[in-house]
Amino acid sequence: MAQFTHHIFVCCNQRKKDSSRGSCDPDGDEELKSALKKEIEKRGLKPMVRANEAGCLDQCELGPVIVIYPQAIWYGGVRIKDVPRIVEETIVNGRVIPDLLIPDEKLNNCKKK
């Protein structure tokens, strides 16, 4: 089988409701991951595009967070309504979405607690 063209890792980490760092999946329902999987399947992009659950990506304050490989595109503040746009713009058309992109200078600068 050929390699994936895109592998989307979706942070499904849960923290306590009162965590100062926030939580990418506070309800534990993996809704964002499920929405990405459905959109990928709907557009006939399987099996070349895959969305998987990830543990903590350590960008909690910027979440919900996804990262798309091999392009290493980090998106933060992702909502369900962003899913069709992510698949259309980034996966299908190869364009980065500026308002979701986590800039390099913000990556790995979250507070560890």
PDB file of N, CA and C in Angstrom:
ATOM      1  N   MET A   1       0.843  -1.187   0.000  1.00  0.00           N
ATOM      2  CA  MET A   1       0.000   0.000   0.000  1.00  0.00           C
ATOM      3  C   MET A   1       0.887   1.249   0.000  1.00  0.00           C
ATOM      4  N   ALA A   2       0.485   2.229  -0.733  1.00  0.00           N
ATOM      5  CA  ALA A   2       1.222   3.494  -0.803  1.00  0.00           C
ATOM      6  C   ALA A   2       1.147   4.231   0.529  1.00  0.00           C
ATOM      7  N   GLN A   3       2.099   5.127   0.734  1.00  0.00           N
ATOM      8  CA  GLN A   3       2.112   5.933   1.953  1.00  0.00           C
ATOM      9  C   GLN A   3       0.928   6.890   1.962  1.00  0.00           C
ATOM     10  N   PHE A   4       0.547   7.301   3.174  1.00  0.00           N
ATOM     11  CA  PHE A   4      -0.487   8.322   3.311  1.00  0.00           C
ATOM     12  C   PHE A   4       0.012   9.614   2.678  1.00  0.00           C
ATOM     13  N   THR A   5      -0.897  10.350   2.068  1.00  0.00           N
ATOM     14  CA  THR A   5      -0.541  11.690   1.605  1.00  0.00           C
ATOM     15  C   THR A   5      -0.632  12.672   2.766  1.00  0.00           C
ATOM     16  N   HIS A   6      -1.538  12.394   3.690  1.00  0.00           N
ATOM     17  CA  HIS A   6      -1.729  13.225   4.879  1.00  0.00           C
ATOM     18  C   HIS A   6      -2.125  12.319   6.040  1.00  0.00           C
ATOM     19  N   HIS A   7      -1.520  12.563   7.169  1.00  0.00           N
ATOM     20  CA  HIS A   7      -1.881  11.850   8.387  1.00  0.00           C
ATOM     21  C   HIS A   7      -2.189  12.921   9.426  1.00  0.00           C
ATOM     22  N   ILE A   8      -3.443  12.993   9.836  1.00  0.00           N
ATOM     23  CA  ILE A   8      -3.905  14.038  10.750  1.00  0.00           C
ATOM     24  C   ILE A   8      -3.987  13.459  12.159  1.00  0.00           C
ATOM     25  N   PHE A   9      -3.246  14.064  13.059  1.00  0.00           N
ATOM     26  CA  PHE A   9      -3.297  13.656  14.457  1.00  0.00           C
ATOM     27  C   PHE A   9      -4.128  14.677  15.217  1.00  0.00           C
ATOM     28  N   VAL A  10      -5.152  14.184  15.890  1.00  0.00           N
ATOM     29  CA  VAL A  10      -6.104  15.037  16.605  1.00  0.00           C
ATOM     30  C   VAL A  10      -5.911  14.830  18.106  1.00  0.00           C
ATOM     31  N   CYS A  11      -5.545  15.883  18.808  1.00  0.00           N
ATOM     32  CA  CYS A  11      -5.387  15.764  20.249  1.00  0.00           C
ATOM     33  C   CYS A  11      -6.747  15.476  20.877  1.00  0.00           C
ATOM     34  N   CYS A  12      -6.807  14.365  21.597  1.00  0.00           N
ATOM     35  CA  CYS A  12      -8.032  13.986  22.311  1.00  0.00           C
ATOM     36  C   CYS A  12      -7.780  13.945  23.812  1.00  0.00           C
ATOM     37  N   ASN A  13      -6.764  14.682  24.241  1.00  0.00           N
ATOM     38  CA  ASN A  13      -6.403  14.696  25.650  1.00  0.00           C
ATOM     39  C   ASN A  13      -7.471  15.405  26.484  1.00  0.00           C
ATOM     40  N   GLN A  14      -7.699  14.862  27.660  1.00  0.00           N
ATOM     41  CA  GLN A  14      -8.641  15.475  28.599  1.00  0.00           C
ATOM     42  C   GLN A  14      -7.896  15.912  29.847  1.00  0.00           C
ATOM     43  N   ARG A  15      -8.220  17.097  30.289  1.00  0.00           N
ATOM     44  CA  ARG A  15      -7.716  17.592  31.568  1.00  0.00           C
ATOM     45  C   ARG A  15      -8.933  17.911  32.431  1.00  0.00           C
ATOM     46  N   LYS A  16      -8.671  18.091  33.703  1.00  0.00           N
ATOM     47  CA  LYS A  16      -9.752  18.471  34.606  1.00  0.00           C
ATOM     48  C   LYS A  16     -10.344  19.790  34.146  1.00  0.00           C
ATOM     49  N   LYS A  17     -11.617  19.976  34.386  1.00  0.00           N
ATOM     50  CA  LYS A  17     -12.335  21.184  33.951  1.00  0.00           C
ATOM     51  C   LYS A  17     -11.683  22.470  34.451  1.00  0.00           C
ATOM     52  N   ASP A  18     -11.057  22.427  35.611  1.00  0.00           N
ATOM     53  CA  ASP A  18     -10.459  23.636  36.176  1.00  0.00           C
ATOM     54  C   ASP A  18      -8.983  23.811  35.806  1.00  0.00           C
ATOM     55  N   SER A  19      -8.490  23.021  34.867  1.00  0.00           N
ATOM     56  CA  SER A  19      -7.085  23.121  34.473  1.00  0.00           C
ATOM     57  C   SER A  19      -6.801  24.472  33.817  1.00  0.00           C
ATOM     58  N   SER A  20      -5.726  25.108  34.222  1.00  0.00           N
ATOM     59  CA  SER A  20      -5.354  26.394  33.633  1.00  0.00           C
ATOM     60  C   SER A  20      -4.847  26.227  32.204  1.00  0.00           C
ATOM     61  N   ARG A  21      -4.477  25.028  31.817  1.00  0.00           N
ATOM     62  CA  ARG A  21      -3.953  24.782  30.478  1.00  0.00           C
ATOM     63  C   ARG A  21      -5.057  24.522  29.459  1.00  0.00           C
ATOM     64  N   GLY A  22      -6.245  24.234  29.916  1.00  0.00           N
ATOM     65  CA  GLY A  22      -7.315  23.899  28.988  1.00  0.00           C
ATOM     66  C   GLY A  22      -7.266  22.429  28.616  1.00  0.00           C
ATOM     67  N   SER A  23      -8.146  22.036  27.716  1.00  0.00           N
ATOM     68  CA  SER A  23      -8.255  20.647  27.320  1.00  0.00           C
ATOM     69  C   SER A  23      -8.722  20.591  25.868  1.00  0.00           C
ATOM     70  N   CYS A  24      -8.053  19.795  25.070  1.00  0.00           N
ATOM     71  CA  CYS A  24      -8.439  19.694  23.654  1.00  0.00           C
ATOM     72  C   CYS A  24      -9.744  18.923  23.462  1.00  0.00           C
ATOM     73  N   ASP A  25     -10.053  18.015  24.389  1.00  0.00           N
ATOM     74  CA  ASP A  25     -11.280  17.221  24.279  1.00  0.00           C
ATOM     75  C   ASP A  25     -11.947  17.139  25.647  1.00  0.00           C
ATOM     76  N   PRO A  26     -12.448  18.270  26.144  1.00  0.00           N
ATOM     77  CA  PRO A  26     -12.945  18.319  27.523  1.00  0.00           C
ATOM     78  C   PRO A  26     -14.082  17.346  27.820  1.00  0.00           C
ATOM     79  N   ASP A  27     -14.898  17.023  26.840  1.00  0.00           N
ATOM     80  CA  ASP A  27     -16.017  16.105  27.068  1.00  0.00           C
ATOM     81  C   ASP A  27     -15.648  14.651  26.822  1.00  0.00           C
ATOM     82  N   GLY A  28     -14.476  14.412  26.241  1.00  0.00           N
ATOM     83  CA  GLY A  28     -14.036  13.049  25.981  1.00  0.00           C
ATOM     84  C   GLY A  28     -14.819  12.335  24.900  1.00  0.00           C
ATOM     85  N   ASP A  29     -15.477  13.103  24.028  1.00  0.00           N
ATOM     86  CA  ASP A  29     -16.315  12.480  23.005  1.00  0.00           C
ATOM     87  C   ASP A  29     -15.618  12.314  21.651  1.00  0.00           C
ATOM     88  N   GLU A  30     -14.394  12.800  21.535  1.00  0.00           N
ATOM     89  CA  GLU A  30     -13.607  12.687  20.303  1.00  0.00           C
ATOM     90  C   GLU A  30     -14.369  13.195  19.078  1.00  0.00           C
ATOM     91  N   GLU A  31     -15.197  14.212  19.299  1.00  0.00           N
ATOM     92  CA  GLU A  31     -16.053  14.754  18.248  1.00  0.00           C
ATOM     93  C   GLU A  31     -15.252  15.318  17.073  1.00  0.00           C
ATOM     94  N   LEU A  32     -14.154  15.989  17.358  1.00  0.00           N
ATOM     95  CA  LEU A  32     -13.336  16.572  16.299  1.00  0.00           C
ATOM     96  C   LEU A  32     -12.715  15.476  15.428  1.00  0.00           C
ATOM     97  N   LYS A  33     -12.183  14.457  16.059  1.00  0.00           N
ATOM     98  CA  LYS A  33     -11.616  13.329  15.313  1.00  0.00           C
ATOM     99  C   LYS A  33     -12.681  12.663  14.449  1.00  0.00           C
ATOM    100  N   SER A  34     -13.830  12.426  15.014  1.00  0.00           N
ATOM    101  CA  SER A  34     -14.923  11.784  14.269  1.00  0.00           C
ATOM    102  C   SER A  34     -15.353  12.621  13.072  1.00  0.00           C
ATOM    103  N   ALA A  35     -15.431  13.936  13.264  1.00  0.00           N
ATOM    104  CA  ALA A  35     -15.834  14.826  12.164  1.00  0.00           C
ATOM    105  C   ALA A  35     -14.808  14.786  11.029  1.00  0.00           C
ATOM    106  N   LEU A  36     -13.531  14.776  11.374  1.00  0.00           N
ATOM    107  CA  LEU A  36     -12.485  14.685  10.347  1.00  0.00           C
ATOM    108  C   LEU A  36     -12.578  13.360   9.598  1.00  0.00           C
ATOM    109  N   LYS A  37     -12.758  12.264  10.317  1.00  0.00           N
ATOM    110  CA  LYS A  37     -12.878  10.950   9.682  1.00  0.00           C
ATOM    111  C   LYS A  37     -14.068  10.917   8.715  1.00  0.00           C
ATOM    112  N   LYS A  38     -15.196  11.460   9.146  1.00  0.00           N
ATOM    113  CA  LYS A  38     -16.391  11.479   8.291  1.00  0.00           C
ATOM    114  C   LYS A  38     -16.164  12.320   7.037  1.00  0.00           C
ATOM    115  N   GLU A  39     -15.535  13.478   7.194  1.00  0.00           N
ATOM    116  CA  GLU A  39     -15.284  14.359   6.049  1.00  0.00           C
ATOM    117  C   GLU A  39     -14.312  13.712   5.064  1.00  0.00           C
ATOM    118  N   ILE A  40     -13.305  13.047   5.575  1.00  0.00           N
ATOM    119  CA  ILE A  40     -12.339  12.349   4.731  1.00  0.00           C
ATOM    120  C   ILE A  40     -13.028  11.246   3.938  1.00  0.00           C
ATOM    121  N   GLU A  41     -13.862  10.502   4.613  1.00  0.00           N
ATOM    122  CA  GLU A  41     -14.576   9.410   3.935  1.00  0.00           C
ATOM    123  C   GLU A  41     -15.580   9.967   2.918  1.00  0.00           C
ATOM    124  N   LYS A  42     -16.310  10.998   3.303  1.00  0.00           N
ATOM    125  CA  LYS A  42     -17.303  11.616   2.422  1.00  0.00           C
ATOM    126  C   LYS A  42     -16.687  12.080   1.108  1.00  0.00           C
ATOM    127  N   ARG A  43     -15.457  12.566   1.174  1.00  0.00           N
ATOM    128  CA  ARG A  43     -14.776  13.085  -0.016  1.00  0.00           C
ATOM    129  C   ARG A  43     -13.978  12.023  -0.764  1.00  0.00           C
ATOM    130  N   GLY A  44     -14.073  10.784  -0.301  1.00  0.00           N
ATOM    131  CA  GLY A  44     -13.389   9.688  -0.980  1.00  0.00           C
ATOM    132  C   GLY A  44     -11.872   9.738  -0.862  1.00  0.00           C
ATOM    133  N   LEU A  45     -11.365  10.293   0.226  1.00  0.00           N
ATOM    134  CA  LEU A  45      -9.928  10.454   0.399  1.00  0.00           C
ATOM    135  C   LEU A  45      -9.261   9.283   1.123  1.00  0.00           C
ATOM    136  N   LYS A  46     -10.079   8.380   1.638  1.00  0.00           N
ATOM    137  CA  LYS A  46      -9.547   7.176   2.273  1.00  0.00           C
ATOM    138  C   LYS A  46      -9.065   6.252   1.177  1.00  0.00           C
ATOM    139  N   PRO A  47      -8.014   5.525   1.292  1.00  0.00           N
ATOM    140  CA  PRO A  47      -7.142   5.326   2.438  1.00  0.00           C
ATOM    141  C   PRO A  47      -5.895   6.211   2.433  1.00  0.00           C
ATOM    142  N   MET A  48      -5.802   7.165   1.528  1.00  0.00           N
ATOM    143  CA  MET A  48      -4.585   7.977   1.419  1.00  0.00           C
ATOM    144  C   MET A  48      -4.496   9.082   2.481  1.00  0.00           C
ATOM    145  N   VAL A  49      -5.633   9.400   3.093  1.00  0.00           N
ATOM    146  CA  VAL A  49      -5.665  10.396   4.168  1.00  0.00           C
ATOM    147  C   VAL A  49      -6.237   9.709   5.390  1.00  0.00           C
ATOM    148  N   ARG A  50      -5.611   9.924   6.512  1.00  0.00           N
ATOM    149  CA  ARG A  50      -6.054   9.267   7.739  1.00  0.00           C
ATOM    150  C   ARG A  50      -6.081  10.264   8.887  1.00  0.00           C
ATOM    151  N   ALA A  51      -7.086  10.148   9.736  1.00  0.00           N
ATOM    152  CA  ALA A  51      -7.184  10.944  10.962  1.00  0.00           C
ATOM    153  C   ALA A  51      -7.145   9.987  12.143  1.00  0.00           C
ATOM    154  N   ASN A  52      -6.282  10.285  13.088  1.00  0.00           N
ATOM    155  CA  ASN A  52      -6.099   9.441  14.264  1.00  0.00           C
ATOM    156  C   ASN A  52      -6.154  10.255  15.540  1.00  0.00           C
ATOM    157  N   GLU A  53      -6.566   9.585  16.592  1.00  0.00           N
ATOM    158  CA  GLU A  53      -6.494  10.170  17.927  1.00  0.00           C
ATOM    159  C   GLU A  53      -5.032  10.269  18.342  1.00  0.00           C
ATOM    160  N   ALA A  54      -4.701  11.369  18.962  1.00  0.00           N
ATOM    161  CA  ALA A  54      -3.382  11.526  19.565  1.00  0.00           C
ATOM    162  C   ALA A  54      -3.569  11.841  21.036  1.00  0.00           C
ATOM    163  N   GLY A  55      -2.603  11.441  21.808  1.00  0.00           N
ATOM    164  CA  GLY A  55      -2.565  11.879  23.195  1.00  0.00           C
ATOM    165  C   GLY A  55      -2.172  13.355  23.196  1.00  0.00           C
ATOM    166  N   CYS A  56      -1.784  13.835  24.322  1.00  0.00           N
ATOM    167  CA  CYS A  56      -1.438  15.247  24.450  1.00  0.00           C
ATOM    168  C   CYS A  56      -0.319  15.630  23.477  1.00  0.00           C
ATOM    169  N   LEU A  57      -0.566  16.672  22.689  1.00  0.00           N
ATOM    170  CA  LEU A  57       0.436  17.205  21.769  1.00  0.00           C
ATOM    171  C   LEU A  57       1.210  18.352  22.421  1.00  0.00           C
ATOM    172  N   ASP A  58       0.903  18.614  23.693  1.00  0.00           N
ATOM    173  CA  ASP A  58       1.595  19.592  24.537  1.00  0.00           C
ATOM    174  C   ASP A  58       1.505  21.029  24.021  1.00  0.00           C
ATOM    175  N   GLN A  59       0.371  21.333  23.405  1.00  0.00           N
ATOM    176  CA  GLN A  59       0.086  22.700  22.959  1.00  0.00           C
ATOM    177  C   GLN A  59      -1.272  23.110  23.543  1.00  0.00           C
ATOM    178  N   CYS A  60      -1.529  22.695  24.759  1.00  0.00           N
ATOM    179  CA  CYS A  60      -2.852  22.761  25.385  1.00  0.00           C
ATOM    180  C   CYS A  60      -3.506  24.141  25.335  1.00  0.00           C
ATOM    181  N   GLU A  61      -2.729  25.176  25.601  1.00  0.00           N
ATOM    182  CA  GLU A  61      -3.289  26.521  25.623  1.00  0.00           C
ATOM    183  C   GLU A  61      -3.744  26.987  24.250  1.00  0.00           C
ATOM    184  N   LEU A  62      -3.343  26.277  23.215  1.00  0.00           N
ATOM    185  CA  LEU A  62      -3.680  26.649  21.842  1.00  0.00           C
ATOM    186  C   LEU A  62      -4.766  25.748  21.258  1.00  0.00           C
ATOM    187  N   GLY A  63      -5.326  24.881  22.069  1.00  0.00           N
ATOM    188  CA  GLY A  63      -6.244  23.846  21.588  1.00  0.00           C
ATOM    189  C   GLY A  63      -7.661  24.301  21.389  1.00  0.00           C
ATOM    190  N   PRO A  64      -8.403  23.373  20.824  1.00  0.00           N
ATOM    191  CA  PRO A  64      -8.046  22.058  20.343  1.00  0.00           C
ATOM    192  C   PRO A  64      -7.027  22.118  19.199  1.00  0.00           C
ATOM    193  N   VAL A  65      -6.100  21.158  19.232  1.00  0.00           N
ATOM    194  CA  VAL A  65      -4.974  21.151  18.305  1.00  0.00           C
ATOM    195  C   VAL A  65      -5.003  19.908  17.427  1.00  0.00           C
ATOM    196  N   ILE A  66      -4.635  20.112  16.145  1.00  0.00           N
ATOM    197  CA  ILE A  66      -4.368  19.000  15.239  1.00  0.00           C
ATOM    198  C   ILE A  66      -3.023  19.284  14.571  1.00  0.00           C
ATOM    199  N   VAL A  67      -2.370  18.220  14.128  1.00  0.00           N
ATOM    200  CA  VAL A  67      -1.153  18.378  13.343  1.00  0.00           C
ATOM    201  C   VAL A  67      -1.261  17.444  12.141  1.00  0.00           C
ATOM    202  N   ILE A  68      -0.887  17.963  10.984  1.00  0.00           N
ATOM    203  CA  ILE A  68      -0.989  17.220   9.734  1.00  0.00           C
ATOM    204  C   ILE A  68       0.421  16.904   9.253  1.00  0.00           C
ATOM    205  N   TYR A  69       0.677  15.613   9.094  1.00  0.00           N
ATOM    206  CA  TYR A  69       1.975  15.157   8.582  1.00  0.00           C
ATOM    207  C   TYR A  69       1.788  14.480   7.239  1.00  0.00           C
ATOM    208  N   PRO A  70       2.797  14.494   6.368  1.00  0.00           N
ATOM    209  CA  PRO A  70       4.183  14.850   6.625  1.00  0.00           C
ATOM    210  C   PRO A  70       4.466  16.345   6.492  1.00  0.00           C
ATOM    211  N   GLN A  71       3.454  17.147   6.243  1.00  0.00           N
ATOM    212  CA  GLN A  71       3.649  18.586   6.022  1.00  0.00           C
ATOM    213  C   GLN A  71       3.973  19.347   7.303  1.00  0.00           C
ATOM    214  N   ALA A  72       3.736  18.755   8.460  1.00  0.00           N
ATOM    215  CA  ALA A  72       3.980  19.373   9.768  1.00  0.00           C
ATOM    216  C   ALA A  72       3.242  20.702   9.910  1.00  0.00           C
ATOM    217  N   ILE A  73       1.959  20.680   9.582  1.00  0.00           N
ATOM    218  CA  ILE A  73       1.094  21.850   9.717  1.00  0.00           C
ATOM    219  C   ILE A  73       0.351  21.719  11.042  1.00  0.00           C
ATOM    220  N   TRP A  74       0.553  22.678  11.925  1.00  0.00           N
ATOM    221  CA  TRP A  74      -0.090  22.688  13.244  1.00  0.00           C
ATOM    222  C   TRP A  74      -1.232  23.698  13.230  1.00  0.00           C
ATOM    223  N   TYR A  75      -2.430  23.216  13.544  1.00  0.00           N
ATOM    224  CA  TYR A  75      -3.599  24.088  13.644  1.00  0.00           C
ATOM    225  C   TYR A  75      -4.090  24.096  15.084  1.00  0.00           C
ATOM    226  N   GLY A  76      -4.446  25.286  15.567  1.00  0.00           N
ATOM    227  CA  GLY A  76      -4.962  25.435  16.921  1.00  0.00           C
ATOM    228  C   GLY A  76      -6.308  26.137  16.928  1.00  0.00           C
ATOM    229  N   GLY A  77      -7.018  25.966  18.023  1.00  0.00           N
ATOM    230  CA  GLY A  77      -8.347  26.554  18.143  1.00  0.00           C
ATOM    231  C   GLY A  77      -9.320  25.953  17.144  1.00  0.00           C
ATOM    232  N   VAL A  78      -9.106  24.695  16.782  1.00  0.00           N
ATOM    233  CA  VAL A  78      -9.910  24.036  15.748  1.00  0.00           C
ATOM    234  C   VAL A  78     -11.290  23.678  16.297  1.00  0.00           C
ATOM    235  N   ARG A  79     -12.300  24.003  15.531  1.00  0.00           N
ATOM    236  CA  ARG A  79     -13.699  23.704  15.875  1.00  0.00           C
ATOM    237  C   ARG A  79     -14.292  22.789  14.798  1.00  0.00           C
ATOM    238  N   ILE A  80     -15.386  22.162  15.135  1.00  0.00           N
ATOM    239  CA  ILE A  80     -16.069  21.266  14.189  1.00  0.00           C
ATOM    240  C   ILE A  80     -16.373  22.005  12.890  1.00  0.00           C
ATOM    241  N   LYS A  81     -16.771  23.257  12.979  1.00  0.00           N
ATOM    242  CA  LYS A  81     -17.115  24.028  11.778  1.00  0.00           C
ATOM    243  C   LYS A  81     -15.914  24.230  10.854  1.00  0.00           C
ATOM    244  N   ASP A  82     -14.684  24.066  11.389  1.00  0.00           N
ATOM    245  CA  ASP A  82     -13.472  24.223  10.585  1.00  0.00           C
ATOM    246  C   ASP A  82     -13.129  22.978   9.765  1.00  0.00           C
ATOM    247  N   VAL A  83     -13.710  21.856  10.097  1.00  0.00           N
ATOM    248  CA  VAL A  83     -13.332  20.578   9.477  1.00  0.00           C
ATOM    249  C   VAL A  83     -13.481  20.588   7.955  1.00  0.00           C
ATOM    250  N   PRO A  84     -14.637  20.970   7.390  1.00  0.00           N
ATOM    251  CA  PRO A  84     -14.727  20.978   5.920  1.00  0.00           C
ATOM    252  C   PRO A  84     -13.691  21.886   5.262  1.00  0.00           C
ATOM    253  N   ARG A  85     -13.419  23.007   5.884  1.00  0.00           N
ATOM    254  CA  ARG A  85     -12.437  23.951   5.349  1.00  0.00           C
ATOM    255  C   ARG A  85     -11.023  23.370   5.420  1.00  0.00           C
ATOM    256  N   ILE A  86     -10.693  22.686   6.503  1.00  0.00           N
ATOM    257  CA  ILE A  86      -9.381  22.057   6.634  1.00  0.00           C
ATOM    258  C   ILE A  86      -9.196  21.006   5.546  1.00  0.00           C
ATOM    259  N   VAL A  87     -10.200  20.179   5.357  1.00  0.00           N
ATOM    260  CA  VAL A  87     -10.083  19.131   4.345  1.00  0.00           C
ATOM    261  C   VAL A  87     -10.008  19.742   2.944  1.00  0.00           C
ATOM    262  N   GLU A  88     -10.862  20.705   2.652  1.00  0.00           N
ATOM    263  CA  GLU A  88     -10.866  21.325   1.318  1.00  0.00           C
ATOM    264  C   GLU A  88      -9.584  22.115   1.048  1.00  0.00           C
ATOM    265  N   GLU A  89      -9.257  23.010   1.949  1.00  0.00           N
ATOM    266  CA  GLU A  89      -8.128  23.908   1.705  1.00  0.00           C
ATOM    267  C   GLU A  89      -6.772  23.223   1.859  1.00  0.00           C
ATOM    268  N   THR A  90      -6.589  22.518   2.960  1.00  0.00           N
ATOM    269  CA  THR A  90      -5.265  21.966   3.255  1.00  0.00           C
ATOM    270  C   THR A  90      -5.054  20.591   2.639  1.00  0.00           C
ATOM    271  N   ILE A  91      -6.000  19.697   2.835  1.00  0.00           N
ATOM    272  CA  ILE A  91      -5.809  18.333   2.351  1.00  0.00           C
ATOM    273  C   ILE A  91      -5.968  18.257   0.831  1.00  0.00           C
ATOM    274  N   VAL A  92      -7.039  18.810   0.298  1.00  0.00           N
ATOM    275  CA  VAL A  92      -7.306  18.716  -1.144  1.00  0.00           C
ATOM    276  C   VAL A  92      -6.456  19.701  -1.943  1.00  0.00           C
ATOM    277  N   ASN A  93      -6.407  20.962  -1.497  1.00  0.00           N
ATOM    278  CA  ASN A  93      -5.756  22.005  -2.298  1.00  0.00           C
ATOM    279  C   ASN A  93      -4.346  22.388  -1.842  1.00  0.00           C
ATOM    280  N   GLY A  94      -3.875  21.816  -0.736  1.00  0.00           N
ATOM    281  CA  GLY A  94      -2.506  22.054  -0.301  1.00  0.00           C
ATOM    282  C   GLY A  94      -2.219  23.445   0.226  1.00  0.00           C
ATOM    283  N   ARG A  95      -3.260  24.144   0.687  1.00  0.00           N
ATOM    284  CA  ARG A  95      -3.066  25.498   1.206  1.00  0.00           C
ATOM    285  C   ARG A  95      -3.184  25.513   2.734  1.00  0.00           C
ATOM    286  N   VAL A  96      -2.319  26.279   3.345  1.00  0.00           N
ATOM    287  CA  VAL A  96      -2.361  26.463   4.793  1.00  0.00           C
ATOM    288  C   VAL A  96      -3.422  27.510   5.114  1.00  0.00           C
ATOM    289  N   ILE A  97      -4.149  27.304   6.186  1.00  0.00           N
ATOM    290  CA  ILE A  97      -5.203  28.233   6.616  1.00  0.00           C
ATOM    291  C   ILE A  97      -4.599  29.151   7.688  1.00  0.00           C
ATOM    292  N   PRO A  98      -4.325  30.404   7.337  1.00  0.00           N
ATOM    293  CA  PRO A  98      -3.610  31.307   8.257  1.00  0.00           C
ATOM    294  C   PRO A  98      -4.274  31.494   9.621  1.00  0.00           C
ATOM    295  N   ASP A  99      -5.612  31.588   9.663  1.00  0.00           N
ATOM    296  CA  ASP A  99      -6.249  31.869  10.951  1.00  0.00           C
ATOM    297  C   ASP A  99      -6.248  30.666  11.901  1.00  0.00           C
ATOM    298  N   LEU A 100      -5.933  29.482  11.419  1.00  0.00           N
ATOM    299  CA  LEU A 100      -5.834  28.303  12.281  1.00  0.00           C
ATOM    300  C   LEU A 100      -4.385  27.914  12.572  1.00  0.00           C
ATOM    301  N   LEU A 101      -3.473  28.376  11.739  1.00  0.00           N
ATOM    302  CA  LEU A 101      -2.075  27.984  11.849  1.00  0.00           C
ATOM    303  C   LEU A 101      -1.454  28.458  13.164  1.00  0.00           C
ATOM    304  N   ILE A 102      -0.777  27.542  13.835  1.00  0.00           N
ATOM    305  CA  ILE A 102       0.001  27.911  15.014  1.00  0.00           C
ATOM    306  C   ILE A 102       1.387  28.290  14.499  1.00  0.00           C
ATOM    307  N   PRO A 103       1.774  29.545  14.675  1.00  0.00           N
ATOM    308  CA  PRO A 103       3.087  29.970  14.180  1.00  0.00           C
ATOM    309  C   PRO A 103       4.217  29.243  14.909  1.00  0.00           C
ATOM    310  N   ASP A 104       5.308  29.033  14.212  1.00  0.00           N
ATOM    311  CA  ASP A 104       6.457  28.332  14.789  1.00  0.00           C
ATOM    312  C   ASP A 104       6.876  28.907  16.128  1.00  0.00           C
ATOM    313  N   GLU A 105       6.830  30.220  16.258  1.00  0.00           N
ATOM    314  CA  GLU A 105       7.296  30.833  17.502  1.00  0.00           C
ATOM    315  C   GLU A 105       6.382  30.539  18.698  1.00  0.00           C
ATOM    316  N   LYS A 106       5.168  30.074  18.450  1.00  0.00           N
ATOM    317  CA  LYS A 106       4.255  29.726  19.551  1.00  0.00           C
ATOM    318  C   LYS A 106       4.306  28.241  19.900  1.00  0.00           C
ATOM    319  N   LEU A 107       4.795  27.430  18.976  1.00  0.00           N
ATOM    320  CA  LEU A 107       4.882  25.989  19.249  1.00  0.00           C
ATOM    321  C   LEU A 107       5.853  25.727  20.391  1.00  0.00           C
ATOM    322  N   ASN A 108       5.467  24.801  21.240  1.00  0.00           N
ATOM    323  CA  ASN A 108       6.314  24.363  22.348  1.00  0.00           C
ATOM    324  C   ASN A 108       6.646  25.461  23.346  1.00  0.00           C
ATOM    325  N   ASN A 109       5.796  26.464  23.443  1.00  0.00           N
ATOM    326  CA  ASN A 109       5.994  27.519  24.431  1.00  0.00           C
ATOM    327  C   ASN A 109       4.910  27.520  25.506  1.00  0.00           C
ATOM    328  N   CYS A 110       4.149  26.440  25.562  1.00  0.00           N
ATOM    329  CA  CYS A 110       3.080  26.359  26.559  1.00  0.00           C
ATOM    330  C   CYS A 110       3.659  26.097  27.936  1.00  0.00           C
ATOM    331  N   LYS A 111       2.908  26.507  28.939  1.00  0.00           N
ATOM    332  CA  LYS A 111       3.349  26.351  30.323  1.00  0.00           C
ATOM    333  C   LYS A 111       3.076  24.938  30.803  1.00  0.00           C
ATOM    334  N   LYS A 112       4.073  24.312  31.339  1.00  0.00           N
ATOM    335  CA  LYS A 112       3.930  22.959  31.891  1.00  0.00           C
ATOM    336  C   LYS A 112       3.463  23.073  33.337  1.00  0.00           C
ATOM    337  N   LYS A 113       2.382  22.363  33.642  1.00  0.00           N
ATOM    338  CA  LYS A 113       1.871  22.357  35.010  1.00  0.00           C
ATOM    339  C   LYS A 113       1.452  20.972  35.379  1.00  0.00           C
TER     340      LYS A 113
END
